[in-house]
Amino acid sequence: MIVVSVMYPNTPGSTFDMDYYLKSHIPMVQEKLGAALQGIRVEQGISGGEAGTPPPYHALGHLLFESVGAFQVSFGAHAQAIRADVPHYTNVRPIRQISEVKL
């Protein structure tokens, strides 16, 4: 099992529309990736590690797939449409990471 994490940095002047992300972007991603997408989790940053500090990320999206190959096949066909939607909810460039789930 692998997880594709998409992290949206909370930098000065950055914006993030969580309502649009949850109600429009995520359902579109789910529809396009279909059965290859085995799970999804969305987290909203609320604080940094020290009390009263801002979170380092506005949001984190985690997409679960059986393998890197399954992700590449399902995402590849829709990458342009999915990426084209990003400016509708944020003005930051997301950071992506693919990880192997160990626990």
N, C-alpha and C. Protein backbone atom coordinates (compact mmCIF):
# COMPACT_ATOMS: atom_id res chain seq x y z
N MET A 1 0.85 -1.17 0.00
CA MET A 1 0.00 0.00 0.00
C MET A 1 0.90 1.24 0.00
N ILE A 2 0.51 2.22 -0.81
CA ILE A 2 1.24 3.49 -0.83
C ILE A 2 0.27 4.63 -0.55
N VAL A 3 0.83 5.74 -0.10
CA VAL A 3 0.03 6.94 0.10
C VAL A 3 0.69 8.08 -0.67
N VAL A 4 -0.14 8.80 -1.40
CA VAL A 4 0.31 10.00 -2.10
C VAL A 4 -0.16 11.17 -1.24
N SER A 5 0.79 11.88 -0.67
CA SER A 5 0.48 13.03 0.18
C SER A 5 0.68 14.31 -0.61
N VAL A 6 -0.32 15.19 -0.53
CA VAL A 6 -0.26 16.49 -1.19
C VAL A 6 -0.38 17.52 -0.08
N MET A 7 0.69 18.30 0.12
CA MET A 7 0.77 19.23 1.24
C MET A 7 0.81 20.66 0.72
N TYR A 8 0.01 21.52 1.35
CA TYR A 8 -0.14 22.90 0.91
C TYR A 8 0.49 23.83 1.94
N PRO A 9 1.71 24.33 1.69
CA PRO A 9 2.43 25.17 2.66
C PRO A 9 1.66 26.44 3.02
N ASN A 10 1.73 26.79 4.28
CA ASN A 10 1.13 28.02 4.80
C ASN A 10 2.22 29.08 4.83
N THR A 11 2.38 29.75 3.71
CA THR A 11 3.42 30.77 3.57
C THR A 11 2.79 32.16 3.60
N PRO A 12 3.58 33.20 3.88
CA PRO A 12 3.03 34.56 3.91
C PRO A 12 2.28 34.89 2.61
N GLY A 13 1.06 35.35 2.73
CA GLY A 13 0.24 35.72 1.58
C GLY A 13 -0.49 34.56 0.92
N SER A 14 -0.29 33.35 1.41
CA SER A 14 -0.94 32.20 0.79
C SER A 14 -2.40 32.10 1.24
N THR A 15 -3.21 31.51 0.38
CA THR A 15 -4.62 31.30 0.67
C THR A 15 -5.00 29.86 0.39
N PHE A 16 -6.07 29.40 1.03
CA PHE A 16 -6.57 28.05 0.82
C PHE A 16 -8.06 28.04 1.12
N ASP A 17 -8.87 27.61 0.16
CA ASP A 17 -10.32 27.56 0.31
C ASP A 17 -10.72 26.11 0.63
N MET A 18 -10.82 25.80 1.93
CA MET A 18 -11.12 24.44 2.35
C MET A 18 -12.51 24.00 1.88
N ASP A 19 -13.46 24.91 1.86
CA ASP A 19 -14.82 24.58 1.42
C ASP A 19 -14.80 24.08 -0.03
N TYR A 20 -14.12 24.80 -0.91
CA TYR A 20 -14.02 24.37 -2.31
C TYR A 20 -13.26 23.04 -2.40
N TYR A 21 -12.19 22.93 -1.66
CA TYR A 21 -11.37 21.71 -1.68
C TYR A 21 -12.21 20.49 -1.32
N LEU A 22 -13.00 20.59 -0.25
CA LEU A 22 -13.80 19.45 0.21
C LEU A 22 -15.02 19.18 -0.65
N LYS A 23 -15.66 20.23 -1.15
CA LYS A 23 -16.93 20.05 -1.87
C LYS A 23 -16.79 19.91 -3.38
N SER A 24 -15.66 20.37 -3.93
CA SER A 24 -15.49 20.30 -5.39
C SER A 24 -14.26 19.51 -5.81
N HIS A 25 -13.09 19.89 -5.29
CA HIS A 25 -11.85 19.25 -5.76
C HIS A 25 -11.79 17.77 -5.37
N ILE A 26 -11.99 17.48 -4.11
CA ILE A 26 -11.87 16.08 -3.66
C ILE A 26 -12.88 15.16 -4.36
N PRO A 27 -14.16 15.54 -4.46
CA PRO A 27 -15.09 14.68 -5.20
C PRO A 27 -14.67 14.48 -6.67
N MET A 28 -14.12 15.51 -7.31
CA MET A 28 -13.65 15.37 -8.67
C MET A 28 -12.49 14.38 -8.75
N VAL A 29 -11.56 14.48 -7.80
CA VAL A 29 -10.43 13.55 -7.75
C VAL A 29 -10.95 12.11 -7.55
N GLN A 30 -11.87 11.92 -6.64
CA GLN A 30 -12.42 10.59 -6.39
C GLN A 30 -13.08 10.03 -7.64
N GLU A 31 -13.83 10.84 -8.34
CA GLU A 31 -14.52 10.38 -9.55
C GLU A 31 -13.51 10.00 -10.64
N LYS A 32 -12.50 10.82 -10.82
CA LYS A 32 -11.53 10.56 -11.89
C LYS A 32 -10.63 9.36 -11.58
N LEU A 33 -10.23 9.17 -10.33
CA LEU A 33 -9.32 8.07 -10.00
C LEU A 33 -10.04 6.75 -9.82
N GLY A 34 -11.32 6.80 -9.58
CA GLY A 34 -12.14 5.58 -9.55
C GLY A 34 -11.70 4.56 -8.52
N ALA A 35 -11.84 3.29 -8.90
CA ALA A 35 -11.59 2.18 -7.98
C ALA A 35 -10.12 2.05 -7.58
N ALA A 36 -9.21 2.65 -8.33
CA ALA A 36 -7.79 2.59 -7.97
C ALA A 36 -7.53 3.32 -6.65
N LEU A 37 -8.35 4.34 -6.37
CA LEU A 37 -8.22 5.10 -5.13
C LEU A 37 -8.88 4.31 -4.02
N GLN A 38 -8.06 3.82 -3.08
CA GLN A 38 -8.57 2.93 -2.04
C GLN A 38 -8.93 3.64 -0.74
N GLY A 39 -8.59 4.89 -0.62
CA GLY A 39 -8.94 5.65 0.57
C GLY A 39 -8.43 7.07 0.43
N ILE A 40 -9.02 7.94 1.22
CA ILE A 40 -8.64 9.34 1.16
C ILE A 40 -8.79 9.94 2.55
N ARG A 41 -7.89 10.85 2.88
CA ARG A 41 -7.96 11.57 4.16
C ARG A 41 -7.53 13.00 3.90
N VAL A 42 -8.27 13.95 4.48
CA VAL A 42 -7.94 15.36 4.37
C VAL A 42 -7.76 15.91 5.77
N GLU A 43 -6.67 16.64 5.97
CA GLU A 43 -6.39 17.26 7.26
C GLU A 43 -6.25 18.77 7.05
N GLN A 44 -6.77 19.55 8.00
CA GLN A 44 -6.62 21.00 7.96
C GLN A 44 -5.70 21.42 9.09
N GLY A 45 -4.66 22.18 8.76
CA GLY A 45 -3.72 22.65 9.78
C GLY A 45 -4.40 23.62 10.73
N ILE A 46 -4.13 23.45 12.04
CA ILE A 46 -4.72 24.37 13.02
C ILE A 46 -3.67 25.03 13.91
N SER A 47 -2.45 24.47 13.95
CA SER A 47 -1.42 25.05 14.81
C SER A 47 -0.06 24.46 14.45
N GLY A 48 0.96 25.22 14.80
CA GLY A 48 2.31 24.69 14.69
C GLY A 48 2.63 23.87 15.93
N GLY A 49 3.86 23.43 16.05
CA GLY A 49 4.28 22.62 17.18
C GLY A 49 4.30 23.36 18.51
N GLU A 50 4.48 24.66 18.45
CA GLU A 50 4.49 25.48 19.66
C GLU A 50 3.15 26.20 19.78
N ALA A 51 2.66 26.34 20.98
CA ALA A 51 1.39 27.02 21.21
C ALA A 51 1.38 28.41 20.59
N GLY A 52 0.31 28.72 19.89
CA GLY A 52 0.15 30.04 19.31
C GLY A 52 0.85 30.27 17.99
N THR A 53 1.52 29.25 17.46
CA THR A 53 2.19 29.41 16.17
C THR A 53 1.29 28.90 15.06
N PRO A 54 1.40 29.49 13.87
CA PRO A 54 0.55 29.04 12.77
C PRO A 54 0.99 27.66 12.27
N PRO A 55 0.07 26.92 11.67
CA PRO A 55 0.44 25.61 11.14
C PRO A 55 1.38 25.77 9.94
N PRO A 56 2.31 24.85 9.75
CA PRO A 56 3.20 24.94 8.60
C PRO A 56 2.48 24.66 7.28
N TYR A 57 1.33 23.99 7.35
CA TYR A 57 0.56 23.66 6.15
C TYR A 57 -0.89 24.07 6.35
N HIS A 58 -1.50 24.62 5.29
CA HIS A 58 -2.94 24.89 5.31
C HIS A 58 -3.70 23.57 5.40
N ALA A 59 -3.28 22.61 4.57
CA ALA A 59 -3.99 21.34 4.47
C ALA A 59 -3.05 20.27 3.95
N LEU A 60 -3.44 19.02 4.23
CA LEU A 60 -2.75 17.86 3.71
C LEU A 60 -3.80 16.91 3.18
N GLY A 61 -3.60 16.44 1.97
CA GLY A 61 -4.47 15.44 1.38
C GLY A 61 -3.69 14.15 1.21
N HIS A 62 -4.28 13.04 1.60
CA HIS A 62 -3.60 11.74 1.52
C HIS A 62 -4.47 10.78 0.72
N LEU A 63 -3.90 10.23 -0.35
CA LEU A 63 -4.61 9.32 -1.24
C LEU A 63 -3.95 7.95 -1.17
N LEU A 64 -4.74 6.92 -0.90
CA LEU A 64 -4.21 5.56 -0.76
C LEU A 64 -4.41 4.74 -2.03
N PHE A 65 -3.35 4.04 -2.43
CA PHE A 65 -3.39 3.17 -3.60
C PHE A 65 -2.69 1.85 -3.26
N GLU A 66 -2.99 0.83 -4.00
CA GLU A 66 -2.36 -0.48 -3.79
C GLU A 66 -0.88 -0.43 -4.12
N SER A 67 -0.51 0.35 -5.15
CA SER A 67 0.89 0.40 -5.58
C SER A 67 1.17 1.71 -6.31
N VAL A 68 2.44 1.99 -6.51
CA VAL A 68 2.82 3.17 -7.29
C VAL A 68 2.28 3.04 -8.71
N GLY A 69 2.34 1.83 -9.26
CA GLY A 69 1.82 1.59 -10.60
C GLY A 69 0.34 1.91 -10.71
N ALA A 70 -0.44 1.49 -9.71
CA ALA A 70 -1.88 1.78 -9.71
C ALA A 70 -2.13 3.28 -9.67
N PHE A 71 -1.34 3.99 -8.88
CA PHE A 71 -1.46 5.45 -8.83
C PHE A 71 -1.12 6.06 -10.18
N GLN A 72 -0.01 5.67 -10.75
CA GLN A 72 0.45 6.26 -12.00
C GLN A 72 -0.55 6.05 -13.14
N VAL A 73 -1.12 4.85 -13.22
CA VAL A 73 -2.09 4.56 -14.28
C VAL A 73 -3.35 5.40 -14.09
N SER A 74 -3.88 5.43 -12.88
CA SER A 74 -5.14 6.16 -12.66
C SER A 74 -4.95 7.67 -12.72
N PHE A 75 -3.87 8.17 -12.16
CA PHE A 75 -3.63 9.61 -12.13
C PHE A 75 -3.19 10.14 -13.49
N GLY A 76 -2.37 9.38 -14.17
CA GLY A 76 -1.79 9.84 -15.43
C GLY A 76 -2.83 10.31 -16.44
N ALA A 77 -3.92 9.61 -16.54
CA ALA A 77 -4.96 9.95 -17.51
C ALA A 77 -5.70 11.24 -17.15
N HIS A 78 -5.62 11.64 -15.88
CA HIS A 78 -6.39 12.79 -15.41
C HIS A 78 -5.53 13.88 -14.77
N ALA A 79 -4.23 13.73 -14.83
CA ALA A 79 -3.32 14.67 -14.17
C ALA A 79 -3.56 16.11 -14.58
N GLN A 80 -3.75 16.35 -15.86
CA GLN A 80 -3.92 17.72 -16.34
C GLN A 80 -5.18 18.35 -15.75
N ALA A 81 -6.28 17.64 -15.73
CA ALA A 81 -7.54 18.18 -15.20
C ALA A 81 -7.44 18.41 -13.69
N ILE A 82 -6.82 17.47 -12.99
CA ILE A 82 -6.70 17.60 -11.53
C ILE A 82 -5.81 18.80 -11.18
N ARG A 83 -4.69 18.91 -11.84
CA ARG A 83 -3.77 20.03 -11.57
C ARG A 83 -4.37 21.37 -11.99
N ALA A 84 -5.16 21.38 -13.05
CA ALA A 84 -5.77 22.63 -13.52
C ALA A 84 -6.78 23.18 -12.52
N ASP A 85 -7.27 22.35 -11.62
CA ASP A 85 -8.25 22.79 -10.63
C ASP A 85 -7.60 23.46 -9.41
N VAL A 86 -6.32 23.24 -9.20
CA VAL A 86 -5.63 23.76 -8.01
C VAL A 86 -5.80 25.27 -7.82
N PRO A 87 -5.67 26.09 -8.85
CA PRO A 87 -5.83 27.54 -8.64
C PRO A 87 -7.22 27.96 -8.17
N HIS A 88 -8.20 27.08 -8.25
CA HIS A 88 -9.54 27.40 -7.77
C HIS A 88 -9.62 27.42 -6.24
N TYR A 89 -8.65 26.79 -5.56
CA TYR A 89 -8.72 26.75 -4.10
C TYR A 89 -7.45 27.21 -3.38
N THR A 90 -6.35 27.41 -4.09
CA THR A 90 -5.14 27.88 -3.41
C THR A 90 -4.22 28.62 -4.38
N ASN A 91 -3.39 29.47 -3.82
CA ASN A 91 -2.39 30.17 -4.61
C ASN A 91 -0.97 29.67 -4.31
N VAL A 92 -0.87 28.53 -3.63
CA VAL A 92 0.44 27.95 -3.33
C VAL A 92 0.67 26.70 -4.17
N ARG A 93 1.93 26.44 -4.41
CA ARG A 93 2.29 25.22 -5.14
C ARG A 93 2.38 24.07 -4.14
N PRO A 94 1.58 23.02 -4.33
CA PRO A 94 1.60 21.92 -3.37
C PRO A 94 2.90 21.12 -3.45
N ILE A 95 3.23 20.51 -2.34
CA ILE A 95 4.37 19.59 -2.24
C ILE A 95 3.79 18.19 -2.26
N ARG A 96 4.34 17.33 -3.10
CA ARG A 96 3.84 15.96 -3.20
C ARG A 96 4.90 14.97 -2.74
N GLN A 97 4.42 13.93 -2.10
CA GLN A 97 5.32 12.84 -1.68
C GLN A 97 4.58 11.53 -1.80
N ILE A 98 5.28 10.51 -2.31
CA ILE A 98 4.74 9.14 -2.36
C ILE A 98 5.50 8.35 -1.30
N SER A 99 4.73 7.69 -0.42
CA SER A 99 5.33 6.93 0.66
C SER A 99 4.75 5.51 0.68
N GLU A 100 5.53 4.61 1.20
CA GLU A 100 5.05 3.25 1.43
C GLU A 100 4.50 3.18 2.84
N VAL A 101 3.27 2.66 2.97
CA VAL A 101 2.64 2.53 4.28
C VAL A 101 3.27 1.35 5.01
N LYS A 102 3.77 1.59 6.20
CA LYS A 102 4.42 0.55 6.99
C LYS A 102 3.58 0.08 8.17
N LEU A 103 2.66 0.89 8.62
CA LEU A 103 1.85 0.53 9.79
C LEU A 103 0.46 1.08 9.64
